[in-house]
N, C-alpha and C. Protein backbone atom coordinates (compact mmCIF):
# COMPACT_ATOMS: atom_id res chain seq x y z
N MET A 1 245.04 203.43 76.35
CA MET A 1 244.27 202.21 76.22
C MET A 1 245.11 200.96 76.48
N ALA A 2 246.38 201.07 76.39
CA ALA A 2 247.25 199.91 76.57
C ALA A 2 247.11 199.32 77.97
N TYR A 3 246.72 200.14 78.94
CA TYR A 3 246.64 199.65 80.31
C TYR A 3 245.25 199.16 80.69
N TYR A 4 244.33 199.19 79.79
CA TYR A 4 242.95 198.81 80.09
C TYR A 4 242.84 197.41 80.69
N PRO A 5 243.45 196.37 80.12
CA PRO A 5 243.33 195.04 80.75
C PRO A 5 243.89 195.00 82.17
N GLN A 6 244.96 195.72 82.42
CA GLN A 6 245.53 195.75 83.76
C GLN A 6 244.58 196.45 84.74
N GLN A 7 243.94 197.52 84.27
CA GLN A 7 242.99 198.23 85.11
C GLN A 7 241.77 197.36 85.40
N MET A 8 241.33 196.61 84.40
CA MET A 8 240.20 195.70 84.62
C MET A 8 240.58 194.62 85.63
N GLU A 9 241.79 194.09 85.54
CA GLU A 9 242.24 193.08 86.51
C GLU A 9 242.28 193.66 87.91
N ALA A 10 242.70 194.92 88.04
CA ALA A 10 242.70 195.57 89.34
C ALA A 10 241.28 195.71 89.87
N ALA A 11 240.35 196.04 89.00
CA ALA A 11 238.94 196.14 89.39
C ALA A 11 238.41 194.78 89.82
N TYR A 12 238.73 193.72 89.07
CA TYR A 12 238.29 192.38 89.44
C TYR A 12 238.87 191.95 90.78
N SER A 13 240.09 192.36 91.05
CA SER A 13 240.71 192.06 92.34
C SER A 13 239.92 192.72 93.48
N LEU A 14 239.49 193.95 93.27
CA LEU A 14 238.67 194.63 94.28
C LEU A 14 237.34 193.92 94.48
N ILE A 15 236.74 193.46 93.40
CA ILE A 15 235.48 192.72 93.49
C ILE A 15 235.68 191.44 94.29
N GLN A 16 236.78 190.75 94.04
CA GLN A 16 237.07 189.52 94.78
C GLN A 16 237.25 189.83 96.27
N GLN A 17 237.97 190.90 96.61
CA GLN A 17 238.15 191.29 98.00
C GLN A 17 236.80 191.64 98.64
N TYR A 18 235.98 192.35 97.91
CA TYR A 18 234.64 192.70 98.38
C TYR A 18 233.84 191.44 98.68
N ASN A 19 233.85 190.48 97.78
CA ASN A 19 233.10 189.24 97.97
C ASN A 19 233.59 188.47 99.18
N GLN A 20 234.88 188.43 99.39
CA GLN A 20 235.42 187.75 100.57
C GLN A 20 234.96 188.44 101.86
N LEU A 21 234.96 189.76 101.86
CA LEU A 21 234.50 190.50 103.03
C LEU A 21 233.00 190.27 103.27
N ILE A 22 232.22 190.28 102.21
CA ILE A 22 230.78 190.03 102.33
C ILE A 22 230.53 188.66 102.97
N ILE A 23 231.26 187.64 102.52
CA ILE A 23 231.07 186.29 103.07
C ILE A 23 231.43 186.27 104.55
N LEU A 24 232.53 186.90 104.92
CA LEU A 24 232.92 186.93 106.34
C LEU A 24 231.87 187.65 107.19
N LEU A 25 231.39 188.79 106.72
CA LEU A 25 230.36 189.53 107.45
C LEU A 25 229.06 188.72 107.53
N TRP A 26 228.71 188.07 106.44
CA TRP A 26 227.49 187.27 106.41
C TRP A 26 227.56 186.12 107.42
N LEU A 27 228.69 185.43 107.45
CA LEU A 27 228.86 184.32 108.39
C LEU A 27 228.83 184.80 109.84
N LYS A 28 229.42 185.95 110.10
CA LYS A 28 229.53 186.43 111.47
C LYS A 28 228.24 187.09 111.97
N TYR A 29 227.56 187.88 111.13
CA TYR A 29 226.46 188.71 111.60
C TYR A 29 225.08 188.35 111.06
N VAL A 30 225.01 187.67 109.93
CA VAL A 30 223.71 187.50 109.28
C VAL A 30 223.16 186.09 109.41
N LEU A 31 223.95 185.09 109.04
CA LEU A 31 223.47 183.71 108.99
C LEU A 31 222.82 183.30 110.31
N PHE A 32 221.59 182.85 110.23
CA PHE A 32 220.77 182.37 111.33
C PHE A 32 220.31 183.47 112.30
N SER A 33 220.50 184.74 111.93
CA SER A 33 219.94 185.82 112.75
C SER A 33 218.44 185.90 112.48
N TRP A 34 217.72 186.64 113.30
CA TRP A 34 216.28 186.76 113.08
C TRP A 34 216.00 187.42 111.75
N ARG A 35 216.82 188.36 111.33
CA ARG A 35 216.61 189.01 110.03
C ARG A 35 216.82 188.02 108.88
N TRP A 36 217.79 187.15 109.03
CA TRP A 36 218.04 186.14 108.00
C TRP A 36 216.84 185.19 107.90
N TRP A 37 216.35 184.72 109.06
CA TRP A 37 215.20 183.82 109.06
C TRP A 37 213.96 184.49 108.46
N LEU A 38 213.76 185.75 108.77
CA LEU A 38 212.62 186.46 108.21
C LEU A 38 212.74 186.57 106.69
N GLN A 39 213.96 186.84 106.20
CA GLN A 39 214.14 186.91 104.76
C GLN A 39 213.93 185.55 104.09
N VAL A 40 214.38 184.49 104.70
CA VAL A 40 214.12 183.15 104.16
C VAL A 40 212.61 182.91 104.10
N PHE A 41 211.94 183.24 105.17
CA PHE A 41 210.48 183.11 105.24
C PHE A 41 209.81 183.94 104.14
N LEU A 42 210.24 185.19 103.98
CA LEU A 42 209.64 186.08 102.98
C LEU A 42 210.02 185.72 101.54
N SER A 43 211.03 184.91 101.39
CA SER A 43 211.42 184.45 100.05
C SER A 43 210.60 183.24 99.61
N ILE A 44 210.09 182.48 100.56
CA ILE A 44 209.43 181.22 100.25
C ILE A 44 207.91 181.27 100.45
N ILE A 45 207.47 181.77 101.59
CA ILE A 45 206.05 181.71 101.96
C ILE A 45 205.13 182.43 100.96
N PRO A 46 205.48 183.61 100.45
CA PRO A 46 204.56 184.23 99.48
C PRO A 46 204.28 183.34 98.27
N TRP A 47 205.31 182.65 97.78
CA TRP A 47 205.10 181.76 96.63
C TRP A 47 204.22 180.58 97.00
N ILE A 48 204.40 180.02 98.19
CA ILE A 48 203.56 178.91 98.64
C ILE A 48 202.10 179.36 98.74
N LEU A 49 201.89 180.53 99.35
CA LEU A 49 200.53 181.06 99.46
C LEU A 49 199.93 181.32 98.09
N TRP A 50 200.72 181.88 97.17
CA TRP A 50 200.19 182.16 95.84
C TRP A 50 199.79 180.87 95.13
N PHE A 51 200.63 179.85 95.20
CA PHE A 51 200.30 178.58 94.55
C PHE A 51 199.04 177.97 95.15
N LYS A 52 198.82 178.21 96.44
CA LYS A 52 197.62 177.66 97.08
C LYS A 52 196.35 178.42 96.67
N PHE A 53 196.45 179.75 96.52
CA PHE A 53 195.26 180.58 96.30
C PHE A 53 195.14 181.14 94.89
N LYS A 54 195.97 180.75 93.97
CA LYS A 54 195.93 181.30 92.61
C LYS A 54 194.69 180.83 91.87
N LYS A 55 194.32 181.61 90.87
CA LYS A 55 193.26 181.18 89.95
C LYS A 55 193.93 180.27 88.93
N LYS A 56 193.51 179.04 88.89
CA LYS A 56 194.17 178.06 88.03
C LYS A 56 194.15 178.45 86.55
N ASP A 57 193.05 179.04 86.10
CA ASP A 57 192.95 179.37 84.68
C ASP A 57 193.80 180.58 84.30
N SER A 58 194.27 181.35 85.28
CA SER A 58 195.10 182.53 85.01
C SER A 58 196.56 182.34 85.41
N LYS A 59 196.91 181.15 85.84
CA LYS A 59 198.25 180.89 86.38
C LYS A 59 199.36 181.30 85.42
N ASP A 60 199.29 180.87 84.18
CA ASP A 60 200.36 181.15 83.22
C ASP A 60 200.52 182.64 82.96
N ARG A 61 199.40 183.34 82.81
CA ARG A 61 199.45 184.78 82.58
C ARG A 61 200.08 185.50 83.76
N LEU A 62 199.69 185.11 84.96
CA LEU A 62 200.20 185.77 86.15
C LEU A 62 201.69 185.49 86.36
N ILE A 63 202.11 184.26 86.11
CA ILE A 63 203.54 183.93 86.21
C ILE A 63 204.33 184.75 85.20
N TYR A 64 203.80 184.86 84.00
CA TYR A 64 204.45 185.67 82.95
C TYR A 64 204.59 187.11 83.43
N ALA A 65 203.55 187.68 83.98
CA ALA A 65 203.60 189.05 84.50
C ALA A 65 204.59 189.16 85.65
N SER A 66 204.64 188.14 86.50
CA SER A 66 205.55 188.19 87.64
C SER A 66 207.01 188.17 87.18
N PHE A 67 207.31 187.44 86.12
CA PHE A 67 208.69 187.45 85.61
C PHE A 67 209.07 188.83 85.09
N ILE A 68 208.13 189.53 84.49
CA ILE A 68 208.38 190.89 84.04
C ILE A 68 208.68 191.78 85.25
N VAL A 69 207.91 191.63 86.32
CA VAL A 69 208.14 192.40 87.55
C VAL A 69 209.52 192.10 88.11
N ILE A 70 209.90 190.84 88.15
CA ILE A 70 211.21 190.44 88.66
C ILE A 70 212.32 191.09 87.84
N ILE A 71 212.20 191.03 86.53
CA ILE A 71 213.24 191.59 85.65
C ILE A 71 213.36 193.09 85.85
N ILE A 72 212.24 193.80 85.81
CA ILE A 72 212.28 195.26 85.93
C ILE A 72 212.75 195.69 87.32
N SER A 73 212.16 195.12 88.36
CA SER A 73 212.50 195.57 89.72
C SER A 73 213.95 195.23 90.09
N SER A 74 214.42 194.05 89.71
CA SER A 74 215.80 193.71 90.05
C SER A 74 216.80 194.55 89.25
N TRP A 75 216.47 194.87 88.00
CA TRP A 75 217.34 195.73 87.21
C TRP A 75 217.39 197.13 87.81
N LEU A 76 216.23 197.67 88.20
CA LEU A 76 216.21 199.00 88.81
C LEU A 76 216.92 199.01 90.16
N ASP A 77 216.73 197.96 90.95
CA ASP A 77 217.43 197.87 92.23
C ASP A 77 218.94 197.81 92.04
N LEU A 78 219.36 197.04 91.07
CA LEU A 78 220.80 196.95 90.78
C LEU A 78 221.36 198.32 90.39
N LEU A 79 220.64 199.04 89.54
CA LEU A 79 221.09 200.39 89.15
C LEU A 79 221.15 201.32 90.36
N GLY A 80 220.13 201.26 91.21
CA GLY A 80 220.12 202.11 92.40
C GLY A 80 221.29 201.83 93.32
N ILE A 81 221.62 200.57 93.47
CA ILE A 81 222.77 200.19 94.30
C ILE A 81 224.07 200.64 93.66
N LEU A 82 224.22 200.39 92.36
CA LEU A 82 225.45 200.77 91.66
C LEU A 82 225.69 202.27 91.68
N PHE A 83 224.64 203.06 91.61
CA PHE A 83 224.78 204.52 91.63
C PHE A 83 224.75 205.09 93.05
N GLY A 84 224.69 204.23 94.05
CA GLY A 84 224.76 204.68 95.44
C GLY A 84 223.51 205.37 95.94
N LEU A 85 222.37 205.11 95.30
CA LEU A 85 221.13 205.75 95.74
C LEU A 85 220.56 205.08 96.98
N TRP A 86 220.76 203.79 97.11
CA TRP A 86 220.30 203.04 98.28
C TRP A 86 221.16 201.79 98.43
N SER A 87 220.98 201.13 99.55
CA SER A 87 221.68 199.87 99.78
C SER A 87 220.75 198.95 100.57
N TYR A 88 221.02 197.67 100.43
CA TYR A 88 220.30 196.63 101.17
C TYR A 88 221.31 195.90 102.05
N TYR A 89 220.81 195.36 103.14
CA TYR A 89 221.67 194.59 104.05
C TYR A 89 221.04 193.22 104.26
N TYR A 90 221.76 192.33 104.89
CA TYR A 90 221.27 191.03 105.31
C TYR A 90 220.90 190.13 104.13
N LEU A 91 221.90 189.70 103.41
CA LEU A 91 221.71 188.80 102.28
C LEU A 91 221.22 187.44 102.77
N VAL A 92 220.33 186.83 102.02
CA VAL A 92 219.89 185.46 102.33
C VAL A 92 221.05 184.51 102.05
N ILE A 93 221.68 184.68 100.91
CA ILE A 93 222.84 183.90 100.49
C ILE A 93 223.88 184.90 100.01
N PRO A 94 225.15 184.76 100.39
CA PRO A 94 226.12 185.78 100.03
C PRO A 94 226.33 185.97 98.52
N PHE A 95 225.95 185.02 97.72
CA PHE A 95 226.16 185.14 96.27
C PHE A 95 224.90 185.58 95.54
N SER A 96 223.89 186.00 96.30
CA SER A 96 222.66 186.50 95.68
C SER A 96 222.52 187.97 96.05
N PRO A 97 221.75 188.70 95.30
CA PRO A 97 221.55 190.10 95.66
C PRO A 97 220.77 190.22 96.97
N ALA A 98 221.07 191.25 97.74
CA ALA A 98 220.38 191.43 99.02
C ALA A 98 218.91 191.75 98.84
N PHE A 99 218.53 192.21 97.65
CA PHE A 99 217.12 192.52 97.40
C PHE A 99 216.34 191.30 96.93
N PHE A 100 216.91 190.12 97.00
CA PHE A 100 216.26 188.90 96.52
C PHE A 100 214.86 188.69 97.08
N PRO A 101 214.66 188.74 98.40
CA PRO A 101 213.30 188.49 98.92
C PRO A 101 212.27 189.49 98.41
N TRP A 102 212.68 190.71 98.18
CA TRP A 102 211.74 191.75 97.79
C TRP A 102 211.43 191.65 96.30
N ASP A 103 212.46 191.55 95.47
CA ASP A 103 212.27 191.60 94.02
C ASP A 103 211.91 190.25 93.40
N PHE A 104 212.23 189.17 94.07
CA PHE A 104 211.97 187.84 93.51
C PHE A 104 210.82 187.12 94.21
N SER A 105 210.28 187.72 95.26
CA SER A 105 209.18 187.08 95.96
C SER A 105 208.06 188.06 96.30
N LEU A 106 208.32 188.99 97.21
CA LEU A 106 207.24 189.86 97.69
C LEU A 106 206.64 190.73 96.58
N LEU A 107 207.47 191.39 95.80
CA LEU A 107 206.94 192.27 94.76
C LEU A 107 206.19 191.51 93.66
N PRO A 108 206.75 190.45 93.08
CA PRO A 108 205.98 189.75 92.05
C PRO A 108 204.73 189.05 92.58
N VAL A 109 204.81 188.48 93.76
CA VAL A 109 203.63 187.78 94.29
C VAL A 109 202.53 188.79 94.66
N SER A 110 202.91 189.91 95.25
CA SER A 110 201.88 190.91 95.58
C SER A 110 201.30 191.50 94.30
N THR A 111 202.11 191.66 93.26
CA THR A 111 201.58 192.13 91.98
C THR A 111 200.58 191.13 91.42
N MET A 112 200.92 189.85 91.45
CA MET A 112 199.99 188.82 90.95
C MET A 112 198.70 188.82 91.75
N ALA A 113 198.81 189.02 93.07
CA ALA A 113 197.60 189.05 93.90
C ALA A 113 196.73 190.24 93.51
N PHE A 114 197.34 191.39 93.30
CA PHE A 114 196.57 192.57 92.87
C PHE A 114 195.94 192.35 91.50
N LEU A 115 196.67 191.74 90.59
CA LEU A 115 196.13 191.47 89.26
C LEU A 115 194.95 190.51 89.32
N GLN A 116 195.07 189.51 90.18
CA GLN A 116 194.06 188.46 90.27
C GLN A 116 192.82 188.91 91.03
N TYR A 117 192.99 189.71 92.06
CA TYR A 117 191.88 190.12 92.92
C TYR A 117 191.08 191.24 92.25
N LYS A 118 189.78 191.04 92.14
CA LYS A 118 188.86 192.02 91.55
C LYS A 118 189.39 192.56 90.21
N PRO A 119 189.51 191.71 89.21
CA PRO A 119 190.07 192.13 87.92
C PRO A 119 189.23 193.18 87.20
N GLN A 120 187.97 193.37 87.61
CA GLN A 120 187.12 194.36 86.95
C GLN A 120 187.45 195.80 87.39
N ILE A 121 188.20 195.97 88.48
CA ILE A 121 188.59 197.30 88.93
C ILE A 121 189.64 197.86 87.98
N SER A 122 189.60 199.15 87.76
CA SER A 122 190.54 199.82 86.86
C SER A 122 191.99 199.50 87.22
N PRO A 123 192.78 199.08 86.23
CA PRO A 123 194.20 198.80 86.51
C PRO A 123 194.95 200.04 86.97
N TYR A 124 194.49 201.22 86.57
CA TYR A 124 195.14 202.46 87.00
C TYR A 124 194.91 202.72 88.48
N LEU A 125 193.69 202.49 88.93
CA LEU A 125 193.39 202.63 90.35
C LEU A 125 194.18 201.61 91.17
N LYS A 126 194.20 200.38 90.69
CA LYS A 126 194.95 199.33 91.39
C LYS A 126 196.45 199.64 91.40
N ALA A 127 196.95 200.22 90.32
CA ALA A 127 198.37 200.59 90.26
C ALA A 127 198.70 201.65 91.30
N VAL A 128 197.81 202.62 91.45
CA VAL A 128 198.03 203.69 92.43
C VAL A 128 197.98 203.12 93.85
N ILE A 129 197.02 202.26 94.13
CA ILE A 129 196.91 201.64 95.46
C ILE A 129 198.14 200.77 95.73
N PHE A 130 198.50 199.94 94.76
CA PHE A 130 199.68 199.08 94.89
C PHE A 130 200.93 199.92 95.16
N SER A 131 201.09 200.99 94.39
CA SER A 131 202.26 201.84 94.53
C SER A 131 202.28 202.54 95.88
N ALA A 132 201.14 203.02 96.34
CA ALA A 132 201.07 203.70 97.63
C ALA A 132 201.45 202.75 98.77
N ILE A 133 200.93 201.54 98.72
CA ILE A 133 201.26 200.55 99.76
C ILE A 133 202.76 200.22 99.73
N THR A 134 203.27 200.00 98.53
CA THR A 134 204.68 199.62 98.40
C THR A 134 205.61 200.76 98.77
N SER A 135 205.31 201.96 98.28
CA SER A 135 206.20 203.11 98.50
C SER A 135 206.14 203.66 99.92
N PHE A 136 204.92 203.79 100.46
CA PHE A 136 204.75 204.52 101.71
C PHE A 136 204.49 203.65 102.93
N ILE A 137 204.35 202.34 102.72
CA ILE A 137 204.20 201.43 103.86
C ILE A 137 205.34 200.41 103.86
N ALA A 138 205.49 199.66 102.75
CA ALA A 138 206.51 198.60 102.72
C ALA A 138 207.93 199.13 102.81
N GLU A 139 208.26 200.15 102.03
CA GLU A 139 209.63 200.68 102.07
C GLU A 139 210.00 201.24 103.45
N PRO A 140 209.13 202.05 104.08
CA PRO A 140 209.47 202.51 105.43
C PRO A 140 209.64 201.37 106.44
N ILE A 141 208.84 200.32 106.29
CA ILE A 141 209.00 199.17 107.19
C ILE A 141 210.37 198.52 106.97
N LEU A 142 210.79 198.40 105.72
CA LEU A 142 212.12 197.82 105.44
C LEU A 142 213.23 198.68 106.04
N VAL A 143 213.06 199.99 105.99
CA VAL A 143 214.05 200.89 106.61
C VAL A 143 214.03 200.71 108.12
N TRP A 144 212.85 200.72 108.71
CA TRP A 144 212.71 200.57 110.16
C TRP A 144 213.33 199.27 110.65
N MET A 145 213.18 198.20 109.86
CA MET A 145 213.72 196.89 110.24
C MET A 145 215.22 196.77 109.95
N GLY A 146 215.79 197.74 109.26
CA GLY A 146 217.22 197.73 109.01
C GLY A 146 217.65 196.97 107.77
N TYR A 147 216.72 196.63 106.90
CA TYR A 147 217.05 195.90 105.67
C TYR A 147 217.48 196.82 104.54
N TYR A 148 217.00 198.04 104.55
CA TYR A 148 217.11 198.93 103.39
C TYR A 148 217.55 200.31 103.87
N ASN A 149 218.48 200.93 103.14
CA ASN A 149 218.96 202.26 103.48
C ASN A 149 218.83 203.16 102.25
N PRO A 150 217.80 204.00 102.20
CA PRO A 150 217.64 204.91 101.06
C PRO A 150 218.54 206.14 101.21
N LYS A 151 219.79 205.98 100.85
CA LYS A 151 220.80 207.02 101.06
C LYS A 151 220.43 208.32 100.35
N HIS A 152 220.17 208.24 99.09
CA HIS A 152 219.85 209.42 98.27
C HIS A 152 218.53 209.18 97.54
N TRP A 153 217.54 208.72 98.28
CA TRP A 153 216.27 208.33 97.69
C TRP A 153 215.16 208.67 98.66
N GLU A 154 214.06 209.16 98.13
CA GLU A 154 212.88 209.46 98.94
C GLU A 154 211.78 208.48 98.54
N TYR A 155 210.90 208.16 99.47
CA TYR A 155 209.84 207.19 99.18
C TYR A 155 208.97 207.64 98.02
N TYR A 156 208.71 208.94 97.93
CA TYR A 156 207.83 209.41 96.86
C TYR A 156 208.48 209.29 95.48
N TYR A 157 209.81 209.12 95.41
CA TYR A 157 210.45 208.84 94.11
C TYR A 157 209.99 207.47 93.59
N SER A 158 209.76 206.54 94.50
CA SER A 158 209.36 205.18 94.12
C SER A 158 207.92 205.12 93.62
N PHE A 159 207.10 206.05 94.08
CA PHE A 159 205.67 205.99 93.78
C PHE A 159 205.36 205.86 92.29
N PRO A 160 205.86 206.74 91.41
CA PRO A 160 205.55 206.57 89.98
C PRO A 160 206.20 205.32 89.37
N ILE A 161 207.32 204.92 89.92
CA ILE A 161 208.01 203.74 89.39
C ILE A 161 207.17 202.49 89.63
N TYR A 162 206.63 202.36 90.84
CA TYR A 162 205.78 201.20 91.13
C TYR A 162 204.49 201.22 90.31
N ILE A 163 203.97 202.40 90.03
CA ILE A 163 202.79 202.49 89.17
C ILE A 163 203.13 201.93 87.79
N VAL A 164 204.26 202.36 87.24
CA VAL A 164 204.67 201.89 85.91
C VAL A 164 204.92 200.38 85.92
N ILE A 165 205.60 199.88 86.94
CA ILE A 165 205.86 198.44 87.03
C ILE A 165 204.55 197.67 87.04
N TYR A 166 203.60 198.13 87.86
CA TYR A 166 202.31 197.44 87.93
C TYR A 166 201.59 197.46 86.59
N LEU A 167 201.57 198.62 85.94
CA LEU A 167 200.86 198.73 84.66
C LEU A 167 201.52 197.89 83.56
N ILE A 168 202.84 197.79 83.60
CA ILE A 168 203.53 196.91 82.64
C ILE A 168 203.15 195.46 82.91
N ALA A 169 203.14 195.07 84.19
CA ALA A 169 202.74 193.71 84.54
C ALA A 169 201.30 193.45 84.10
N TYR A 170 200.44 194.43 84.31
CA TYR A 170 199.05 194.29 83.87
C TYR A 170 198.98 194.06 82.36
N LYS A 171 199.71 194.88 81.62
CA LYS A 171 199.71 194.77 80.16
C LYS A 171 200.15 193.37 79.72
N PHE A 172 201.18 192.85 80.35
CA PHE A 172 201.64 191.51 79.99
C PHE A 172 200.64 190.44 80.45
N SER A 173 199.93 190.69 81.53
CA SER A 173 198.97 189.68 82.02
C SER A 173 197.75 189.55 81.13
N VAL A 174 197.43 190.59 80.38
CA VAL A 174 196.26 190.51 79.52
C VAL A 174 196.63 190.31 78.04
N ALA A 175 197.90 190.12 77.77
CA ALA A 175 198.35 189.93 76.39
C ALA A 175 197.72 188.67 75.80
N THR A 176 197.31 188.77 74.55
CA THR A 176 196.68 187.62 73.88
C THR A 176 197.37 187.27 72.56
N ARG A 177 198.53 187.80 72.34
CA ARG A 177 199.19 187.62 71.05
C ARG A 177 200.15 186.43 71.01
N PHE A 178 199.87 185.42 71.75
CA PHE A 178 200.75 184.27 71.73
C PHE A 178 200.35 183.29 70.62
N GLU A 179 201.31 182.90 69.86
CA GLU A 179 201.06 181.88 68.83
C GLU A 179 201.47 180.53 69.39
N LYS A 180 200.88 179.51 68.84
CA LYS A 180 201.26 178.15 69.25
C LYS A 180 202.65 177.84 68.70
N LEU A 181 203.36 177.04 69.45
CA LEU A 181 204.71 176.64 69.00
C LEU A 181 204.64 175.65 67.87
């Protein structure tokens, strides 16, 4: 245990070297490429569209649900990357996660749209439809476009995870247990 701080410093040194390499690669290959512009677009436009078409009386509930989606999806993506299950490429900003457009924009906004559209439909049915679209259409498109590499992951592994994420977001969107401050 006496060498633990030295080993941690060695690990931090590797992280610093990694970050420097990421910045160099980003400047040379990513910044202002068509993939970079598309990610910038996909990070901003969904939120603009949602603000334009949202139901005003449900705005707070939907934003609350979207934050839950952001927290869960980004945490799961981080775990997947750390364990080498998949990787993302083409960072919007070198100091942000490469999954930023997906977990902080597309996934929460599409979840809010599903929650808002036809609320009388069973949340379980909507969760299955949402999950099928995300797992079997969106993920393959991300692979085809070169943004995502599912190294040790199959699309059908994502299917139940997206169902759970949607149902958790639904549960938070209909919560009524808020007390006044």
